[in-house]
N, C-alpha and C. Protein backbone atom coordinates (compact mmCIF):
# COMPACT_ATOMS: atom_id res chain seq x y z
N MET A 1 -17.52 2.97 -12.06
CA MET A 1 -16.10 3.27 -11.96
C MET A 1 -15.29 2.23 -12.72
N PHE A 2 -14.18 2.69 -13.26
CA PHE A 2 -13.23 1.82 -13.96
C PHE A 2 -11.87 2.04 -13.32
N TYR A 3 -11.07 1.00 -13.31
CA TYR A 3 -9.80 1.05 -12.61
C TYR A 3 -8.67 0.61 -13.52
N VAL A 4 -7.55 1.33 -13.42
CA VAL A 4 -6.29 0.89 -13.98
C VAL A 4 -5.52 0.37 -12.78
N TYR A 5 -5.01 -0.85 -12.90
CA TYR A 5 -4.38 -1.47 -11.73
C TYR A 5 -3.02 -2.05 -12.10
N VAL A 6 -2.22 -2.22 -11.05
CA VAL A 6 -0.93 -2.87 -11.18
C VAL A 6 -0.90 -3.99 -10.15
N ILE A 7 -0.56 -5.20 -10.63
CA ILE A 7 -0.41 -6.33 -9.72
C ILE A 7 1.03 -6.81 -9.78
N GLN A 8 1.44 -7.49 -8.72
CA GLN A 8 2.82 -7.97 -8.62
C GLN A 8 2.80 -9.44 -8.23
N ASP A 9 3.69 -10.23 -8.82
CA ASP A 9 3.77 -11.65 -8.46
C ASP A 9 4.88 -11.87 -7.44
N ASP A 10 5.07 -13.13 -7.06
CA ASP A 10 6.07 -13.47 -6.04
C ASP A 10 7.50 -13.18 -6.49
N LEU A 11 7.73 -13.14 -7.81
CA LEU A 11 9.05 -12.85 -8.34
C LEU A 11 9.26 -11.35 -8.59
N GLU A 12 8.32 -10.56 -8.09
CA GLU A 12 8.33 -9.10 -8.19
C GLU A 12 8.19 -8.61 -9.63
N ARG A 13 7.50 -9.38 -10.47
CA ARG A 13 7.15 -8.92 -11.81
C ARG A 13 5.80 -8.22 -11.72
N PHE A 14 5.59 -7.25 -12.60
CA PHE A 14 4.38 -6.45 -12.58
C PHE A 14 3.53 -6.70 -13.82
N TYR A 15 2.23 -6.48 -13.68
CA TYR A 15 1.28 -6.56 -14.78
C TYR A 15 0.34 -5.37 -14.65
N ILE A 16 0.04 -4.69 -15.74
CA ILE A 16 -0.86 -3.54 -15.75
C ILE A 16 -2.11 -3.92 -16.54
N GLY A 17 -3.28 -3.54 -16.01
CA GLY A 17 -4.53 -3.80 -16.71
C GLY A 17 -5.59 -2.80 -16.31
N TYR A 18 -6.80 -2.98 -16.85
CA TYR A 18 -7.93 -2.15 -16.43
C TYR A 18 -9.16 -3.02 -16.30
N THR A 19 -10.10 -2.59 -15.47
CA THR A 19 -11.31 -3.36 -15.21
C THR A 19 -12.36 -2.47 -14.56
N SER A 20 -13.58 -2.96 -14.52
CA SER A 20 -14.64 -2.27 -13.79
C SER A 20 -14.90 -2.95 -12.45
N ASP A 21 -14.27 -4.10 -12.19
CA ASP A 21 -14.48 -4.86 -10.96
C ASP A 21 -13.14 -5.44 -10.50
N LEU A 22 -12.47 -4.73 -9.60
CA LEU A 22 -11.13 -5.14 -9.16
C LEU A 22 -11.13 -6.50 -8.47
N LYS A 23 -12.09 -6.74 -7.60
CA LYS A 23 -12.12 -8.01 -6.87
C LYS A 23 -12.27 -9.19 -7.83
N ARG A 24 -13.20 -9.10 -8.75
CA ARG A 24 -13.40 -10.18 -9.72
C ARG A 24 -12.15 -10.37 -10.58
N ARG A 25 -11.55 -9.27 -10.99
CA ARG A 25 -10.37 -9.34 -11.86
C ARG A 25 -9.19 -9.97 -11.14
N MET A 26 -9.01 -9.64 -9.86
CA MET A 26 -7.94 -10.27 -9.08
C MET A 26 -8.18 -11.77 -8.95
N ASP A 27 -9.43 -12.15 -8.72
CA ASP A 27 -9.76 -13.57 -8.67
C ASP A 27 -9.44 -14.24 -10.00
N ASP A 28 -9.75 -13.58 -11.11
CA ASP A 28 -9.44 -14.12 -12.45
C ASP A 28 -7.94 -14.34 -12.61
N HIS A 29 -7.14 -13.35 -12.22
CA HIS A 29 -5.68 -13.47 -12.36
C HIS A 29 -5.16 -14.64 -11.52
N ASN A 30 -5.60 -14.75 -10.29
CA ASN A 30 -5.09 -15.78 -9.40
C ASN A 30 -5.65 -17.16 -9.71
N ARG A 31 -6.75 -17.23 -10.42
CA ARG A 31 -7.33 -18.49 -10.83
C ARG A 31 -6.72 -19.00 -12.14
N GLY A 32 -5.99 -18.13 -12.83
CA GLY A 32 -5.35 -18.52 -14.09
C GLY A 32 -6.20 -18.27 -15.32
N SER A 33 -7.20 -17.40 -15.21
CA SER A 33 -8.09 -17.10 -16.34
C SER A 33 -7.44 -16.21 -17.39
N ASN A 34 -6.35 -15.55 -17.05
CA ASN A 34 -5.65 -14.67 -17.98
C ASN A 34 -4.34 -15.35 -18.39
N ARG A 35 -4.16 -15.55 -19.69
CA ARG A 35 -2.97 -16.26 -20.18
C ARG A 35 -1.68 -15.55 -19.77
N SER A 36 -1.68 -14.23 -19.74
CA SER A 36 -0.46 -13.48 -19.41
C SER A 36 -0.04 -13.62 -17.96
N THR A 37 -0.98 -13.93 -17.07
CA THR A 37 -0.65 -13.99 -15.65
C THR A 37 -0.86 -15.38 -15.06
N ARG A 38 -1.09 -16.36 -15.89
CA ARG A 38 -1.37 -17.73 -15.45
C ARG A 38 -0.17 -18.35 -14.74
N GLY A 39 -0.46 -19.14 -13.72
CA GLY A 39 0.58 -19.92 -13.06
C GLY A 39 1.32 -19.22 -11.94
N ARG A 40 0.89 -18.02 -11.59
CA ARG A 40 1.57 -17.29 -10.51
C ARG A 40 0.53 -16.72 -9.56
N SER A 41 0.97 -16.39 -8.38
CA SER A 41 0.12 -15.76 -7.38
C SER A 41 0.35 -14.25 -7.45
N TRP A 42 -0.73 -13.48 -7.52
CA TRP A 42 -0.64 -12.02 -7.70
C TRP A 42 -1.26 -11.28 -6.53
N ARG A 43 -0.73 -10.08 -6.29
CA ARG A 43 -1.33 -9.18 -5.29
C ARG A 43 -1.46 -7.80 -5.90
N LEU A 44 -2.52 -7.12 -5.53
CA LEU A 44 -2.77 -5.76 -6.01
C LEU A 44 -1.85 -4.81 -5.26
N VAL A 45 -1.07 -4.01 -6.00
CA VAL A 45 -0.14 -3.07 -5.35
C VAL A 45 -0.47 -1.61 -5.65
N TYR A 46 -1.35 -1.37 -6.66
CA TYR A 46 -1.66 0.01 -7.02
C TYR A 46 -2.88 0.04 -7.91
N TYR A 47 -3.70 1.08 -7.75
CA TYR A 47 -4.79 1.29 -8.71
C TYR A 47 -5.17 2.76 -8.77
N GLU A 48 -5.76 3.14 -9.90
CA GLU A 48 -6.29 4.48 -10.13
C GLU A 48 -7.73 4.31 -10.58
N ALA A 49 -8.63 5.18 -10.13
CA ALA A 49 -10.05 5.11 -10.48
C ALA A 49 -10.39 6.16 -11.55
N TYR A 50 -11.22 5.75 -12.50
CA TYR A 50 -11.68 6.62 -13.59
C TYR A 50 -13.18 6.50 -13.73
N VAL A 51 -13.82 7.59 -14.14
CA VAL A 51 -15.26 7.62 -14.31
C VAL A 51 -15.69 6.88 -15.58
N THR A 52 -14.91 7.00 -16.63
CA THR A 52 -15.30 6.37 -17.89
C THR A 52 -14.33 5.26 -18.30
N ARG A 53 -14.87 4.31 -19.02
CA ARG A 53 -14.07 3.20 -19.55
C ARG A 53 -12.99 3.74 -20.49
N ALA A 54 -13.34 4.70 -21.32
CA ALA A 54 -12.39 5.27 -22.28
C ALA A 54 -11.19 5.89 -21.57
N SER A 55 -11.43 6.57 -20.45
CA SER A 55 -10.32 7.18 -19.70
C SER A 55 -9.39 6.12 -19.14
N ALA A 56 -9.97 5.06 -18.59
CA ALA A 56 -9.16 3.98 -18.03
C ALA A 56 -8.36 3.29 -19.13
N MET A 57 -8.98 3.05 -20.27
CA MET A 57 -8.29 2.40 -21.39
C MET A 57 -7.14 3.27 -21.90
N ARG A 58 -7.39 4.57 -21.95
CA ARG A 58 -6.36 5.51 -22.42
C ARG A 58 -5.15 5.49 -21.48
N ARG A 59 -5.42 5.51 -20.17
CA ARG A 59 -4.34 5.50 -19.18
C ARG A 59 -3.56 4.18 -19.25
N GLU A 60 -4.28 3.06 -19.38
CA GLU A 60 -3.60 1.77 -19.50
C GLU A 60 -2.70 1.75 -20.73
N ARG A 61 -3.20 2.26 -21.83
CA ARG A 61 -2.42 2.30 -23.07
C ARG A 61 -1.15 3.14 -22.90
N VAL A 62 -1.28 4.27 -22.21
CA VAL A 62 -0.11 5.12 -21.95
C VAL A 62 0.92 4.36 -21.12
N LEU A 63 0.46 3.71 -20.04
CA LEU A 63 1.39 3.00 -19.17
C LEU A 63 2.07 1.82 -19.86
N LYS A 64 1.35 1.15 -20.73
CA LYS A 64 1.93 0.00 -21.42
C LYS A 64 2.80 0.42 -22.61
N GLY A 65 2.52 1.58 -23.18
CA GLY A 65 3.23 1.98 -24.39
C GLY A 65 4.31 3.01 -24.22
N ASP A 66 4.27 3.77 -23.15
CA ASP A 66 5.24 4.85 -22.94
C ASP A 66 6.19 4.45 -21.82
N GLY A 67 7.42 4.15 -22.18
CA GLY A 67 8.41 3.68 -21.21
C GLY A 67 8.65 4.64 -20.07
N ARG A 68 8.65 5.94 -20.36
CA ARG A 68 8.91 6.92 -19.32
C ARG A 68 7.78 6.94 -18.28
N SER A 69 6.53 6.91 -18.75
CA SER A 69 5.38 6.91 -17.83
C SER A 69 5.37 5.65 -16.99
N ARG A 70 5.62 4.52 -17.63
CA ARG A 70 5.64 3.24 -16.91
C ARG A 70 6.77 3.23 -15.88
N ARG A 71 7.96 3.66 -16.27
CA ARG A 71 9.11 3.68 -15.37
C ARG A 71 8.83 4.57 -14.15
N HIS A 72 8.22 5.74 -14.40
CA HIS A 72 7.90 6.65 -13.30
C HIS A 72 6.91 5.99 -12.33
N LEU A 73 5.88 5.35 -12.85
CA LEU A 73 4.90 4.69 -12.00
C LEU A 73 5.54 3.54 -11.22
N MET A 74 6.37 2.74 -11.88
CA MET A 74 7.03 1.62 -11.19
C MET A 74 7.94 2.11 -10.07
N GLU A 75 8.62 3.23 -10.29
CA GLU A 75 9.46 3.81 -9.24
C GLU A 75 8.61 4.23 -8.05
N ARG A 76 7.45 4.86 -8.32
CA ARG A 76 6.54 5.26 -7.24
C ARG A 76 6.05 4.05 -6.47
N ILE A 77 5.67 3.00 -7.19
CA ILE A 77 5.16 1.79 -6.54
C ILE A 77 6.25 1.14 -5.69
N ARG A 78 7.44 1.00 -6.24
CA ARG A 78 8.54 0.40 -5.47
C ARG A 78 8.86 1.21 -4.22
N PHE A 79 8.81 2.55 -4.35
CA PHE A 79 9.04 3.41 -3.19
C PHE A 79 7.96 3.18 -2.13
N MET A 80 6.69 3.15 -2.57
CA MET A 80 5.59 2.94 -1.62
C MET A 80 5.70 1.58 -0.94
N LEU A 81 6.06 0.54 -1.70
CA LEU A 81 6.19 -0.79 -1.12
C LEU A 81 7.34 -0.86 -0.13
N SER A 82 8.47 -0.23 -0.45
CA SER A 82 9.60 -0.27 0.47
C SER A 82 9.31 0.56 1.72
N ALA A 83 8.61 1.68 1.58
CA ALA A 83 8.26 2.51 2.73
C ALA A 83 7.27 1.79 3.64
N ALA A 84 6.39 0.99 3.05
CA ALA A 84 5.40 0.26 3.82
C ALA A 84 6.04 -0.85 4.64
N GLU A 85 7.19 -1.34 4.24
CA GLU A 85 7.87 -2.42 4.96
C GLU A 85 8.71 -1.92 6.12
N GLU A 86 9.00 -0.61 6.17
CA GLU A 86 9.81 -0.07 7.25
C GLU A 86 8.96 0.03 8.52
N PRO A 87 9.54 -0.31 9.66
CA PRO A 87 8.78 -0.27 10.91
C PRO A 87 8.51 1.16 11.40
N PHE A 88 7.38 1.33 12.06
CA PHE A 88 7.03 2.60 12.68
C PHE A 88 6.98 2.38 14.19
N ILE A 89 7.60 3.30 14.93
CA ILE A 89 7.56 3.23 16.38
C ILE A 89 7.12 4.59 16.88
N GLY A 90 6.01 4.63 17.60
CA GLY A 90 5.51 5.89 18.13
C GLY A 90 5.11 6.87 17.05
N GLY A 91 4.74 6.37 15.89
CA GLY A 91 4.30 7.23 14.81
C GLY A 91 5.43 7.84 14.00
N GLU A 92 6.67 7.51 14.35
CA GLU A 92 7.81 8.05 13.60
C GLU A 92 8.57 6.91 12.93
N ARG A 93 8.98 7.15 11.71
CA ARG A 93 9.71 6.13 10.95
C ARG A 93 11.13 6.01 11.51
N GLN A 94 11.59 4.78 11.67
CA GLN A 94 12.96 4.52 12.10
C GLN A 94 13.86 4.47 10.87
N THR A 95 14.88 5.31 10.83
CA THR A 95 15.73 5.40 9.67
C THR A 95 16.95 4.49 9.74
N GLY A 96 17.20 3.92 10.88
CA GLY A 96 18.35 3.03 11.01
C GLY A 96 19.64 3.76 11.27
N GLU A 97 19.57 5.04 11.54
CA GLU A 97 20.79 5.82 11.80
C GLU A 97 21.14 5.77 13.25
């Protein structure tokens, strides 16, 4: 399996990449092995799985090169992150109304 992933730092900046080993790659990012992500603490916020390396590379290229695709994905991620922070009581989301 190959993965296209999105990580986020403490300043809420995002980085997109691909790998065949998510755990090792996250360790690399947080250890400072990647020049683009060095010096910050990162957390995995999203990933997609692909059967072939070529498919993962193609998807990464689309996300990095096509502003509309990237913007759409970032909106989805921000929505998921904000929804995850809202409290649940009795299985129902509290809307604050």
